[in-house]
Amino acid sequence: MRLVGKDDADRGEAPVGARDVEAEARRRLSVLGHERHRVRSLATGIDMPREVHIKHLQIMAIALALSSLESIPDDYRSDVYWPK
């Protein structure tokens, strides 16, 4: 949990929010190549690889769970929370 004190406010740091978690989820989906597979599937009718689809579902579920927390952990980007 991040505590925001006077020093944090002076530096302009804000507490971690749902947008931060969503951005991390988008980054991980980009690394996975999800959009490329999705577009290819739409264009050709070829199914997305099962592993990519499952990883996408896992990432989205984790992003939703983290975003729903009253206090999002400062280390929300850690691989501890996300699928490998």
Protein backbone atom coordinates (compact mmCIF):
# COMPACT_ATOMS: atom_id res chain seq x y z
CA MET A 1 0.00 0.00 0.00
CA ARG A 2 1.32 3.42 -0.93
CA LEU A 3 0.90 6.17 1.62
CA VAL A 4 0.83 9.61 0.06
CA GLY A 5 2.53 12.17 2.20
CA LYS A 6 3.62 15.77 1.78
CA ASP A 7 6.81 14.73 -0.06
CA ASP A 8 4.80 12.67 -2.56
CA ALA A 9 2.42 15.55 -3.21
CA ASP A 10 5.36 17.88 -3.80
CA ARG A 11 6.77 15.48 -6.43
CA GLY A 12 3.38 15.10 -8.08
CA GLU A 13 3.10 11.36 -7.38
CA ALA A 14 -0.43 10.05 -7.22
CA PRO A 15 -1.58 6.78 -5.69
CA VAL A 16 -1.74 3.80 -8.01
CA GLY A 17 -5.12 3.58 -9.71
CA ALA A 18 -7.17 1.39 -12.00
CA ARG A 19 -5.80 3.21 -15.05
CA ASP A 20 -2.27 2.19 -14.08
CA VAL A 21 -3.33 -1.45 -13.82
CA GLU A 22 -5.17 -1.27 -17.15
CA ALA A 23 -2.06 0.21 -18.79
CA GLU A 24 0.03 -2.66 -17.43
CA ALA A 25 -2.51 -5.18 -18.76
CA ARG A 26 -2.37 -3.52 -22.21
CA ARG A 27 1.43 -3.63 -22.12
CA ARG A 28 1.42 -7.33 -21.31
CA LEU A 29 -1.14 -8.06 -24.04
CA SER A 30 1.04 -6.15 -26.50
CA VAL A 31 4.10 -8.22 -25.56
CA LEU A 32 1.96 -11.34 -25.98
CA GLY A 33 1.00 -10.26 -29.52
CA HIS A 34 -2.68 -10.53 -28.71
CA GLU A 35 -3.80 -7.76 -31.08
CA ARG A 36 -1.87 -9.27 -34.00
CA HIS A 37 -3.50 -12.65 -33.40
CA ARG A 38 -6.94 -11.05 -32.96
CA VAL A 39 -6.70 -9.12 -36.23
CA ARG A 40 -5.41 -12.17 -38.07
CA SER A 41 -8.30 -14.19 -36.72
CA LEU A 42 -10.82 -11.58 -37.84
CA ALA A 43 -9.25 -11.28 -41.29
CA THR A 44 -8.70 -14.95 -42.05
CA GLY A 45 -11.10 -16.84 -39.81
CA ILE A 46 -8.16 -18.79 -38.36
CA ASP A 47 -8.57 -19.24 -34.62
CA MET A 48 -6.23 -17.44 -32.28
CA PRO A 49 -3.72 -19.83 -30.68
CA ARG A 50 -5.29 -21.33 -27.57
CA GLU A 51 -2.33 -20.30 -25.39
CA VAL A 52 -2.70 -16.65 -26.43
CA HIS A 53 -6.44 -16.70 -25.82
CA ILE A 54 -6.04 -18.25 -22.37
CA LYS A 55 -3.27 -15.82 -21.42
CA HIS A 56 -5.49 -12.92 -22.57
CA LEU A 57 -8.32 -14.12 -20.32
CA GLN A 58 -5.92 -14.50 -17.39
CA ILE A 59 -4.47 -11.01 -17.85
CA MET A 60 -7.92 -9.44 -18.07
CA ALA A 61 -9.12 -11.28 -14.95
CA ILE A 62 -6.06 -10.21 -12.99
CA ALA A 63 -6.42 -6.60 -14.16
CA LEU A 64 -10.04 -6.61 -13.02
CA ALA A 65 -9.15 -8.12 -9.64
CA LEU A 66 -6.28 -5.68 -9.01
CA SER A 67 -8.36 -2.69 -10.15
CA SER A 68 -11.13 -3.71 -7.76
CA LEU A 69 -8.91 -3.62 -4.70
CA GLU A 70 -9.49 -0.78 -2.27
CA SER A 71 -5.73 -0.22 -2.19
CA ILE A 72 -3.80 -1.36 -5.27
CA PRO A 73 -0.31 -2.59 -4.35
CA ASP A 74 2.59 -0.37 -5.38
CA ASP A 75 4.24 -3.38 -7.01
CA TYR A 76 1.22 -4.17 -9.23
CA ARG A 77 3.61 -4.52 -12.21
CA SER A 78 5.41 -7.42 -10.52
CA ASP A 79 5.29 -10.79 -12.24
CA VAL A 80 3.99 -12.16 -8.93
CA TYR A 81 0.51 -10.95 -9.89
CA TRP A 82 0.53 -11.71 -13.62
CA PRO A 83 0.69 -14.98 -15.57
CA LYS A 84 4.08 -16.00 -16.91
